[in-house]
C-alpha atoms as a PDB file:
ATOM      1  CA  UNK A   1     -19.276 -19.792  12.679  1.00  0.00           C
ATOM      2  CA  UNK A   2     -15.637 -19.351  13.603  1.00  0.00           C
ATOM      3  CA  UNK A   3     -16.094 -15.573  13.404  1.00  0.00           C
ATOM      4  CA  UNK A   4     -18.960 -15.796  15.907  1.00  0.00           C
ATOM      5  CA  UNK A   5     -16.830 -17.874  18.283  1.00  0.00           C
ATOM      6  CA  UNK A   6     -14.098 -15.266  18.000  1.00  0.00           C
ATOM      7  CA  UNK A   7     -16.506 -12.492  18.976  1.00  0.00           C
ATOM      8  CA  UNK A   8     -17.836 -14.533  21.890  1.00  0.00           C
ATOM      9  CA  UNK A   9     -14.265 -15.202  23.032  1.00  0.00           C
ATOM     10  CA  UNK A  10     -13.246 -11.544  23.164  1.00  0.00           C
ATOM     11  CA  UNK A  11     -16.578 -10.730  24.831  1.00  0.00           C
ATOM     12  CA  UNK A  12     -15.785 -13.262  27.566  1.00  0.00           C
ATOM     13  CA  UNK A  13     -12.247 -11.846  27.864  1.00  0.00           C
ATOM     14  CA  UNK A  14     -13.681  -8.340  28.234  1.00  0.00           C
ATOM     15  CA  UNK A  15     -15.924  -9.526  31.073  1.00  0.00           C
ATOM     16  CA  UNK A  16     -12.924 -11.072  32.848  1.00  0.00           C
ATOM     17  CA  UNK A  17     -10.894  -7.895  32.345  1.00  0.00           C
ATOM     18  CA  UNK A  18     -13.848  -5.788  33.471  1.00  0.00           C
ATOM     19  CA  UNK A  19     -13.955  -7.523  36.839  1.00  0.00           C
ATOM     20  CA  UNK A  20     -10.191  -7.241  37.401  1.00  0.00           C
ATOM     21  CA  UNK A  21      -9.837  -3.429  37.899  1.00  0.00           C
ATOM     22  CA  UNK A  22     -12.424  -3.394  40.678  1.00  0.00           C
ATOM     23  CA  UNK A  23     -10.532  -6.158  42.456  1.00  0.00           C
ATOM     24  CA  UNK A  24      -7.203  -4.414  41.811  1.00  0.00           C
ATOM     25  CA  UNK A  25      -8.600  -1.250  43.348  1.00  0.00           C
ATOM     26  CA  UNK A  26      -9.480  -3.207  46.474  1.00  0.00           C
ATOM     27  CA  UNK A  27      -6.091  -4.930  46.623  1.00  0.00           C
ATOM     28  CA  UNK A  28      -3.644  -2.211  45.517  1.00  0.00           C
ATOM     29  CA  UNK A  29      -3.139   0.287  48.322  1.00  0.00           C
ATOM     30  CA  UNK A  30      -0.679   3.176  48.127  1.00  0.00           C
ATOM     31  CA  UNK A  31       2.140   1.070  49.594  1.00  0.00           C
ATOM     32  CA  UNK A  32       1.712  -1.865  47.188  1.00  0.00           C
ATOM     33  CA  UNK A  33       4.423  -2.245  44.535  1.00  0.00           C
ATOM     34  CA  UNK A  34       2.900  -2.693  41.051  1.00  0.00           C
ATOM     35  CA  UNK A  35       5.723  -5.002  39.881  1.00  0.00           C
ATOM     36  CA  UNK A  36       5.367  -7.354  42.831  1.00  0.00           C
ATOM     37  CA  UNK A  37       1.582  -7.377  42.444  1.00  0.00           C
ATOM     38  CA  UNK A  38       1.780  -8.222  38.731  1.00  0.00           C
ATOM     39  CA  UNK A  39       4.394 -10.930  39.367  1.00  0.00           C
ATOM     40  CA  UNK A  40       1.871 -12.787  41.535  1.00  0.00           C
ATOM     41  CA  UNK A  41      -0.745 -12.400  38.789  1.00  0.00           C
ATOM     42  CA  UNK A  42       1.528 -13.911  36.154  1.00  0.00           C
ATOM     43  CA  UNK A  43       2.792 -16.745  38.367  1.00  0.00           C
ATOM     44  CA  UNK A  44      -0.691 -17.903  39.444  1.00  0.00           C
ATOM     45  CA  UNK A  45      -1.918 -18.071  35.833  1.00  0.00           C
ATOM     46  CA  UNK A  46       0.757 -20.554  34.658  1.00  0.00           C
ATOM     47  CA  UNK A  47      -0.855 -23.782  35.972  1.00  0.00           C
ATOM     48  CA  UNK A  48      -4.303 -22.600  34.798  1.00  0.00           C
ATOM     49  CA  UNK A  49      -3.146 -22.157  31.193  1.00  0.00           C
ATOM     50  CA  UNK A  50      -1.128 -25.388  31.334  1.00  0.00           C
ATOM     51  CA  UNK A  51      -4.235 -27.359  32.355  1.00  0.00           C
ATOM     52  CA  UNK A  52      -6.384 -25.739  29.676  1.00  0.00           C
ATOM     53  CA  UNK A  53      -3.751 -26.495  27.042  1.00  0.00           C
ATOM     54  CA  UNK A  54      -3.384 -30.096  28.254  1.00  0.00           C
ATOM     55  CA  UNK A  55      -7.100 -30.838  27.981  1.00  0.00           C
ATOM     56  CA  UNK A  56      -7.613 -28.918  24.731  1.00  0.00           C
ATOM     57  CA  UNK A  57      -7.327 -30.259  21.204  1.00  0.00           C
ATOM     58  CA  UNK A  58      -4.625 -27.743  20.297  1.00  0.00           C
ATOM     59  CA  UNK A  59      -1.214 -29.370  19.731  1.00  0.00           C
ATOM     60  CA  UNK A  60       1.688 -27.883  21.664  1.00  0.00           C
ATOM     61  CA  UNK A  61       4.227 -26.822  19.050  1.00  0.00           C
ATOM     62  CA  UNK A  62       7.507 -24.934  19.391  1.00  0.00           C
ATOM     63  CA  UNK A  63       8.368 -22.404  16.657  1.00  0.00           C
ATOM     64  CA  UNK A  64      11.305 -23.416  14.511  1.00  0.00           C
ATOM     65  CA  UNK A  65      11.785 -19.948  13.064  1.00  0.00           C
ATOM     66  CA  UNK A  66      13.712 -17.212  14.880  1.00  0.00           C
ATOM     67  CA  UNK A  67      11.038 -14.789  13.698  1.00  0.00           C
ATOM     68  CA  UNK A  68       8.411 -16.799  15.538  1.00  0.00           C
ATOM     69  CA  UNK A  69      10.384 -16.574  18.766  1.00  0.00           C
ATOM     70  CA  UNK A  70      10.984 -12.852  18.312  1.00  0.00           C
ATOM     71  CA  UNK A  71       7.246 -12.290  17.843  1.00  0.00           C
ATOM     72  CA  UNK A  72       6.467 -14.349  20.966  1.00  0.00           C
ATOM     73  CA  UNK A  73       9.105 -12.476  22.954  1.00  0.00           C
ATOM     74  CA  UNK A  74       7.708  -9.109  21.851  1.00  0.00           C
ATOM     75  CA  UNK A  75       4.146 -10.207  22.610  1.00  0.00           C
ATOM     76  CA  UNK A  76       5.232 -11.324  26.079  1.00  0.00           C
ATOM     77  CA  UNK A  77       7.222  -8.248  27.044  1.00  0.00           C
ATOM     78  CA  UNK A  78       4.994  -5.547  25.602  1.00  0.00           C
ATOM     79  CA  UNK A  79       1.424  -6.412  26.602  1.00  0.00           C
ATOM     80  CA  UNK A  80       1.336  -8.344  29.886  1.00  0.00           C
ATOM     81  CA  UNK A  81       4.828  -7.172  30.801  1.00  0.00           C
ATOM     82  CA  UNK A  82       5.368  -3.460  30.244  1.00  0.00           C
ATOM     83  CA  UNK A  83       1.744  -2.576  29.480  1.00  0.00           C
ATOM     84  CA  UNK A  84       0.086  -4.149  32.517  1.00  0.00           C
ATOM     85  CA  UNK A  85       2.718  -2.974  35.000  1.00  0.00           C
ATOM     86  CA  UNK A  86       2.440   0.582  33.659  1.00  0.00           C
ATOM     87  CA  UNK A  87      -1.373   0.386  33.827  1.00  0.00           C
ATOM     88  CA  UNK A  88      -1.408  -0.826  37.444  1.00  0.00           C
ATOM     89  CA  UNK A  89       1.042   1.933  38.384  1.00  0.00           C
ATOM     90  CA  UNK A  90      -1.137   4.486  36.590  1.00  0.00           C
ATOM     91  CA  UNK A  91      -4.278   3.329  38.433  1.00  0.00           C
ATOM     92  CA  UNK A  92      -2.449   3.779  41.713  1.00  0.00           C
ATOM     93  CA  UNK A  93      -1.120   7.244  40.826  1.00  0.00           C
ATOM     94  CA  UNK A  94      -4.003   8.974  38.993  1.00  0.00           C
ATOM     95  CA  UNK A  95      -7.005   6.762  39.690  1.00  0.00           C
ATOM     96  CA  UNK A  96      -8.872   4.263  37.551  1.00  0.00           C
ATOM     97  CA  UNK A  97     -10.851   6.926  35.660  1.00  0.00           C
ATOM     98  CA  UNK A  98      -7.982   8.692  33.957  1.00  0.00           C
ATOM     99  CA  UNK A  99      -5.879   5.546  33.691  1.00  0.00           C
ATOM    100  CA  UNK A 100      -8.543   3.743  31.687  1.00  0.00           C
ATOM    101  CA  UNK A 101      -9.380   6.795  29.531  1.00  0.00           C
ATOM    102  CA  UNK A 102      -5.758   7.157  28.440  1.00  0.00           C
ATOM    103  CA  UNK A 103      -4.859   3.468  28.415  1.00  0.00           C
ATOM    104  CA  UNK A 104      -7.697   2.378  26.163  1.00  0.00           C
ATOM    105  CA  UNK A 105      -6.642   4.676  23.352  1.00  0.00           C
ATOM    106  CA  UNK A 106      -4.609   1.567  22.550  1.00  0.00           C
ATOM    107  CA  UNK A 107      -7.643   0.536  20.478  1.00  0.00           C
ATOM    108  CA  UNK A 108      -6.943   3.210  17.870  1.00  0.00           C
ATOM    109  CA  UNK A 109      -3.197   2.536  18.030  1.00  0.00           C
ATOM    110  CA  UNK A 110      -3.790  -1.173  17.381  1.00  0.00           C
ATOM    111  CA  UNK A 111      -6.174  -0.502  14.500  1.00  0.00           C
ATOM    112  CA  UNK A 112      -3.789   1.951  12.858  1.00  0.00           C
ATOM    113  CA  UNK A 113      -0.895  -0.492  13.171  1.00  0.00           C
ATOM    114  CA  UNK A 114      -3.055  -3.376  11.890  1.00  0.00           C
ATOM    115  CA  UNK A 115      -3.748  -1.432   8.704  1.00  0.00           C
ATOM    116  CA  UNK A 116      -0.139  -0.304   8.371  1.00  0.00           C
ATOM    117  CA  UNK A 117       1.695  -3.534   9.262  1.00  0.00           C
ATOM    118  CA  UNK A 118      -0.795  -6.384   8.837  1.00  0.00           C
ATOM    119  CA  UNK A 119      -2.660  -5.174   5.786  1.00  0.00           C
ATOM    120  CA  UNK A 120      -6.052  -5.340   7.476  1.00  0.00           C
ATOM    121  CA  UNK A 121      -8.685  -3.356   5.597  1.00  0.00           C
ATOM    122  CA  UNK A 122     -11.521  -2.759   8.047  1.00  0.00           C
ATOM    123  CA  UNK A 123     -14.635  -0.852   6.985  1.00  0.00           C
ATOM    124  CA  UNK A 124     -14.849   2.818   7.903  1.00  0.00           C
ATOM    125  CA  UNK A 125     -17.669   1.935  10.328  1.00  0.00           C
ATOM    126  CA  UNK A 126     -15.092   0.155  12.489  1.00  0.00           C
ATOM    127  CA  UNK A 127     -13.111   3.337  13.079  1.00  0.00           C
ATOM    128  CA  UNK A 128     -16.291   5.363  13.609  1.00  0.00           C
ATOM    129  CA  UNK A 129     -17.488   2.770  16.103  1.00  0.00           C
ATOM    130  CA  UNK A 130     -14.112   2.838  17.870  1.00  0.00           C
ATOM    131  CA  UNK A 131     -14.221   6.614  18.307  1.00  0.00           C
ATOM    132  CA  UNK A 132     -17.814   6.436  19.590  1.00  0.00           C
ATOM    133  CA  UNK A 133     -16.812   3.657  22.009  1.00  0.00           C
ATOM    134  CA  UNK A 134     -13.872   5.720  23.309  1.00  0.00           C
ATOM    135  CA  UNK A 135     -16.213   8.663  23.895  1.00  0.00           C
ATOM    136  CA  UNK A 136     -18.389   6.300  25.923  1.00  0.00           C
ATOM    137  CA  UNK A 137     -15.352   5.129  27.903  1.00  0.00           C
ATOM    138  CA  UNK A 138     -14.423   8.757  28.575  1.00  0.00           C
ATOM    139  CA  UNK A 139     -17.899   9.516  29.931  1.00  0.00           C
ATOM    140  CA  UNK A 140     -17.835   6.432  32.145  1.00  0.00           C
ATOM    141  CA  UNK A 141     -14.344   7.265  33.402  1.00  0.00           C
ATOM    142  CA  UNK A 142     -15.106  10.952  33.993  1.00  0.00           C
ATOM    143  CA  UNK A 143     -17.235  10.256  37.032  1.00  0.00           C
ATOM    144  CA  UNK A 144     -14.358   8.291  38.563  1.00  0.00           C
ATOM    145  CA  UNK A 145     -11.965  11.177  37.979  1.00  0.00           C
ATOM    146  CA  UNK A 146      -9.774  12.154  40.891  1.00  0.00           C
ATOM    147  CA  UNK A 147      -7.916  15.320  41.785  1.00  0.00           C
ATOM    148  CA  UNK A 148      -4.569  13.607  41.352  1.00  0.00           C
ATOM    149  CA  UNK A 149      -2.379  15.269  38.758  1.00  0.00           C
ATOM    150  CA  UNK A 150       0.802  13.238  38.876  1.00  0.00           C
ATOM    151  CA  UNK A 151       2.505  13.441  35.498  1.00  0.00           C
ATOM    152  CA  UNK A 152       4.191  10.097  36.140  1.00  0.00           C
ATOM    153  CA  UNK A 153       0.786   8.414  36.307  1.00  0.00           C
ATOM    154  CA  UNK A 154      -0.281  10.006  33.020  1.00  0.00           C
ATOM    155  CA  UNK A 155       2.978   8.971  31.348  1.00  0.00           C
ATOM    156  CA  UNK A 156       2.505   5.436  32.687  1.00  0.00           C
ATOM    157  CA  UNK A 157      -0.986   5.284  31.149  1.00  0.00           C
ATOM    158  CA  UNK A 158       0.431   6.455  27.798  1.00  0.00           C
ATOM    159  CA  UNK A 159       3.124   3.780  28.023  1.00  0.00           C
ATOM    160  CA  UNK A 160       0.432   1.181  28.690  1.00  0.00           C
ATOM    161  CA  UNK A 161      -1.537   2.327  25.625  1.00  0.00           C
ATOM    162  CA  UNK A 162       1.520   2.119  23.383  1.00  0.00           C
ATOM    163  CA  UNK A 163       2.641  -1.238  24.784  1.00  0.00           C
ATOM    164  CA  UNK A 164      -0.805  -2.781  24.370  1.00  0.00           C
ATOM    165  CA  UNK A 165      -1.104  -1.345  20.856  1.00  0.00           C
ATOM    166  CA  UNK A 166       2.191  -2.761  19.619  1.00  0.00           C
ATOM    167  CA  UNK A 167       1.656  -5.914  21.685  1.00  0.00           C
ATOM    168  CA  UNK A 168      -1.570  -6.744  19.862  1.00  0.00           C
ATOM    169  CA  UNK A 169       0.313  -6.647  16.550  1.00  0.00           C
ATOM    170  CA  UNK A 170       3.095  -8.841  17.965  1.00  0.00           C
ATOM    171  CA  UNK A 171       0.415 -11.327  19.056  1.00  0.00           C
ATOM    172  CA  UNK A 172      -0.948 -11.554  15.524  1.00  0.00           C
ATOM    173  CA  UNK A 173       2.516 -12.250  14.117  1.00  0.00           C
ATOM    174  CA  UNK A 174       3.193 -14.859  16.815  1.00  0.00           C
ATOM    175  CA  UNK A 175      -0.086 -16.617  15.993  1.00  0.00           C
ATOM    176  CA  UNK A 176       1.305 -17.343  12.535  1.00  0.00           C
ATOM    177  CA  UNK A 177       3.667 -19.815  14.230  1.00  0.00           C
ATOM    178  CA  UNK A 178       1.729 -21.230  17.220  1.00  0.00           C
ATOM    179  CA  UNK A 179      -1.858 -21.625  18.446  1.00  0.00           C
ATOM    180  CA  UNK A 180      -3.566 -19.249  20.923  1.00  0.00           C
ATOM    181  CA  UNK A 181      -3.192 -21.540  23.956  1.00  0.00           C
ATOM    182  CA  UNK A 182       0.422 -22.370  23.142  1.00  0.00           C
ATOM    183  CA  UNK A 183       1.179 -18.665  22.761  1.00  0.00           C
ATOM    184  CA  UNK A 184      -0.519 -17.942  26.093  1.00  0.00           C
ATOM    185  CA  UNK A 185       1.574 -20.604  27.816  1.00  0.00           C
ATOM    186  CA  UNK A 186       4.869 -19.566  26.196  1.00  0.00           C
ATOM    187  CA  UNK A 187       4.230 -15.933  27.099  1.00  0.00           C
ATOM    188  CA  UNK A 188       3.717 -16.884  30.728  1.00  0.00           C
ATOM    189  CA  UNK A 189       6.915 -18.983  30.751  1.00  0.00           C
ATOM    190  CA  UNK A 190       8.861 -16.002  29.405  1.00  0.00           C
ATOM    191  CA  UNK A 191       7.266 -13.563  31.830  1.00  0.00           C
ATOM    192  CA  UNK A 192       7.697 -15.545  35.056  1.00  0.00           C
ATOM    193  CA  UNK A 193      11.527 -15.308  35.369  1.00  0.00           C
ATOM    194  CA  UNK A 194      11.508 -11.715  34.110  1.00  0.00           C
ATOM    195  CA  UNK A 195       8.804 -10.624  36.560  1.00  0.00           C
ATOM    196  CA  UNK A 196      10.524 -12.458  39.417  1.00  0.00           C
ATOM    197  CA  UNK A 197      13.769 -10.673  38.594  1.00  0.00           C
ATOM    198  CA  UNK A 198      12.142  -7.244  38.415  1.00  0.00           C
ATOM    199  CA  UNK A 199       9.442  -7.640  41.021  1.00  0.00           C
ATOM    200  CA  UNK A 200      10.873  -9.753  43.852  1.00  0.00           C
ATOM    201  CA  UNK A 201      11.733  -6.669  45.900  1.00  0.00           C
ATOM    202  CA  UNK A 202       8.136  -5.574  45.621  1.00  0.00           C
ATOM    203  CA  UNK A 203       6.967  -8.705  47.454  1.00  0.00           C
ATOM    204  CA  UNK A 204       7.747  -6.970  50.754  1.00  0.00           C
ATOM    205  CA  UNK A 205       5.004  -4.434  50.025  1.00  0.00           C
ATOM    206  CA  UNK A 206       2.343  -7.111  49.508  1.00  0.00           C
ATOM    207  CA  UNK A 207       0.095  -7.899  52.429  1.00  0.00           C
ATOM    208  CA  UNK A 208      -2.235 -10.896  52.551  1.00  0.00           C
ATOM    209  CA  UNK A 209      -5.076  -8.913  50.999  1.00  0.00           C
ATOM    210  CA  UNK A 210      -2.936  -7.853  48.028  1.00  0.00           C
ATOM    211  CA  UNK A 211      -1.736 -11.428  47.411  1.00  0.00           C
ATOM    212  CA  UNK A 212      -5.317 -12.739  47.356  1.00  0.00           C
ATOM    213  CA  UNK A 213      -6.484  -9.992  44.997  1.00  0.00           C
ATOM    214  CA  UNK A 214      -3.454 -10.468  42.748  1.00  0.00           C
ATOM    215  CA  UNK A 215      -4.162 -14.212  42.552  1.00  0.00           C
ATOM    216  CA  UNK A 216      -7.812 -13.694  41.638  1.00  0.00           C
ATOM    217  CA  UNK A 217      -7.067 -11.126  38.950  1.00  0.00           C
ATOM    218  CA  UNK A 218      -4.212 -13.286  37.646  1.00  0.00           C
ATOM    219  CA  UNK A 219      -6.619 -16.167  37.027  1.00  0.00           C
ATOM    220  CA  UNK A 220      -9.171 -13.840  35.412  1.00  0.00           C
ATOM    221  CA  UNK A 221      -6.858 -11.640  33.337  1.00  0.00           C
ATOM    222  CA  UNK A 222      -4.084 -14.056  32.358  1.00  0.00           C
ATOM    223  CA  UNK A 223      -5.509 -17.521  32.969  1.00  0.00           C
ATOM    224  CA  UNK A 224      -8.740 -16.967  31.047  1.00  0.00           C
ATOM    225  CA  UNK A 225      -8.697 -13.490  29.506  1.00  0.00           C
ATOM    226  CA  UNK A 226      -5.462 -13.740  27.509  1.00  0.00           C
ATOM    227  CA  UNK A 227      -6.181 -17.138  25.813  1.00  0.00           C
ATOM    228  CA  UNK A 228      -9.672 -15.927  24.828  1.00  0.00           C
ATOM    229  CA  UNK A 229      -8.245 -12.640  23.523  1.00  0.00           C
ATOM    230  CA  UNK A 230      -5.593 -14.428  21.456  1.00  0.00           C
ATOM    231  CA  UNK A 231      -8.154 -16.835  20.000  1.00  0.00           C
ATOM    232  CA  UNK A 232     -10.233 -13.834  18.919  1.00  0.00           C
ATOM    233  CA  UNK A 233      -7.228 -12.190  17.245  1.00  0.00           C
ATOM    234  CA  UNK A 234      -6.529 -15.410  15.348  1.00  0.00           C
ATOM    235  CA  UNK A 235     -10.115 -15.631  14.054  1.00  0.00           C
ATOM    236  CA  UNK A 236     -11.536 -12.104  13.657  1.00  0.00           C
ATOM    237  CA  UNK A 237      -8.332 -10.048  13.410  1.00  0.00           C
ATOM    238  CA  UNK A 238      -6.777  -7.295  15.492  1.00  0.00           C
ATOM    239  CA  UNK A 239      -9.039  -4.372  14.561  1.00  0.00           C
ATOM    240  CA  UNK A 240     -12.336  -5.968  15.557  1.00  0.00           C
ATOM    241  CA  UNK A 241     -10.914  -7.736  18.625  1.00  0.00           C
ATOM    242  CA  UNK A 242      -9.479  -4.598  20.219  1.00  0.00           C
ATOM    243  CA  UNK A 243     -12.724  -2.703  19.612  1.00  0.00           C
ATOM    244  CA  UNK A 244     -14.778  -5.251  21.555  1.00  0.00           C
ATOM    245  CA  UNK A 245     -12.361  -4.925  24.484  1.00  0.00           C
ATOM    246  CA  UNK A 246     -13.790  -1.416  24.920  1.00  0.00           C
ATOM    247  CA  UNK A 247     -16.436  -3.229  26.951  1.00  0.00           C
ATOM    248  CA  UNK A 248     -13.857  -4.018  29.643  1.00  0.00           C
ATOM    249  CA  UNK A 249     -13.580  -0.532  31.198  1.00  0.00           C
ATOM    250  CA  UNK A 250     -17.338  -0.032  30.932  1.00  0.00           C
ATOM    251  CA  UNK A 251     -17.971  -3.307  32.714  1.00  0.00           C
ATOM    252  CA  UNK A 252     -15.158  -2.364  35.082  1.00  0.00           C
ATOM    253  CA  UNK A 253     -17.217   0.602  36.274  1.00  0.00           C
ATOM    254  CA  UNK A 254     -20.252  -1.643  36.786  1.00  0.00           C
ATOM    255  CA  UNK A 255     -18.226  -4.125  38.826  1.00  0.00           C
ATOM    256  CA  UNK A 256     -16.604  -1.275  40.778  1.00  0.00           C
ATOM    257  CA  UNK A 257     -20.073  -0.149  41.822  1.00  0.00           C
ATOM    258  CA  UNK A 258     -20.907  -3.695  42.910  1.00  0.00           C
ATOM    259  CA  UNK A 259     -17.588  -4.770  44.467  1.00  0.00           C
ATOM    260  CA  UNK A 260     -15.839  -1.552  45.484  1.00  0.00           C
ATOM    261  CA  UNK A 261     -19.044   0.303  46.386  1.00  0.00           C
ATOM    262  CA  UNK A 262     -18.328   3.192  44.024  1.00  0.00           C
ATOM    263  CA  UNK A 263     -21.112   5.653  43.276  1.00  0.00           C
ATOM    264  CA  UNK A 264     -22.539   6.227  39.812  1.00  0.00           C
ATOM    265  CA  UNK A 265     -24.243   9.105  37.991  1.00  0.00           C
ATOM    266  CA  UNK A 266     -26.262   9.472  34.795  1.00  0.00           C
ATOM    267  CA  UNK A 267     -23.120  10.421  32.838  1.00  0.00           C
ATOM    268  CA  UNK A 268     -21.779   6.925  33.478  1.00  0.00           C
ATOM    269  CA  UNK A 269     -25.022   5.317  32.324  1.00  0.00           C
ATOM    270  CA  UNK A 270     -24.963   7.408  29.140  1.00  0.00           C
ATOM    271  CA  UNK A 271     -21.327   6.507  28.561  1.00  0.00           C
ATOM    272  CA  UNK A 272     -22.100   2.816  28.906  1.00  0.00           C
ATOM    273  CA  UNK A 273     -24.866   3.046  26.305  1.00  0.00           C
ATOM    274  CA  UNK A 274     -22.687   5.060  23.923  1.00  0.00           C
ATOM    275  CA  UNK A 275     -19.770   2.616  24.256  1.00  0.00           C
ATOM    276  CA  UNK A 276     -22.012  -0.349  23.480  1.00  0.00           C
ATOM    277  CA  UNK A 277     -23.500   1.472  20.467  1.00  0.00           C
ATOM    278  CA  UNK A 278     -19.982   2.196  19.188  1.00  0.00           C
ATOM    279  CA  UNK A 279     -18.960  -1.447  19.532  1.00  0.00           C
ATOM    280  CA  UNK A 280     -22.103  -2.637  17.714  1.00  0.00           C
ATOM    281  CA  UNK A 281     -21.530  -0.157  14.884  1.00  0.00           C
ATOM    282  CA  UNK A 282     -17.914  -1.232  14.534  1.00  0.00           C
ATOM    283  CA  UNK A 283     -18.571  -4.981  14.643  1.00  0.00           C
ATOM    284  CA  UNK A 284     -21.465  -4.803  12.190  1.00  0.00           C
ATOM    285  CA  UNK A 285     -19.332  -2.654   9.911  1.00  0.00           C
END
């Protein structure tokens, strides 16, 4: 039963993360600073997570071990820190299509590291399903491809993939010391002063529209998405959890059609079907 709840949690997180890119695309114009935008996202999520933690049955515990704090620090700085900022920058520079295609290779990075560092032994179907899902993501993203060829945007997407990959492993280690909601809250507390320090200059680039969009995606991505994602990691493991998140970019295209009025072609429909098939194969495996 707990395994089923874990799958439902990461499914819900993927839906929240699928909505966010479409909103980011509306809110992030060429003049908007990615660091300032992400600082708003992190800041707005803090009271949301605090309320959820307060009303939950999970006890708020502080790690006594230095290793616990190191894992929490790494989980905070890599995923929602370096990874998300690099991803937002990449979307701005090379478009959502290529950013998501490169960024979501983090799935394979996470699975490889989970086998190497965590001792997870997933069935071969999981890796086959992951590759099929990534092919589906590529097809979906291809129709959103732009003519931009900025190497900095491509490098940023690669940085995001690596940061998310290593960050997922750091999350698993941190969950040995604290619960998912506590980890979510501690990560936000660590990120807020860091993001304010690095991103305060970027506030000047934020107009009212960008602030509203940053707030909405902060609630979705950090307030709800991250706690659900961490709960899934704690119950079903890293390999399966990251595979299910392949739904996020696929759903992102759907929401972009609805919210950002993007067009769609049959290649995107085929990619969506292929990605879902890959996820089903991997999860059942």
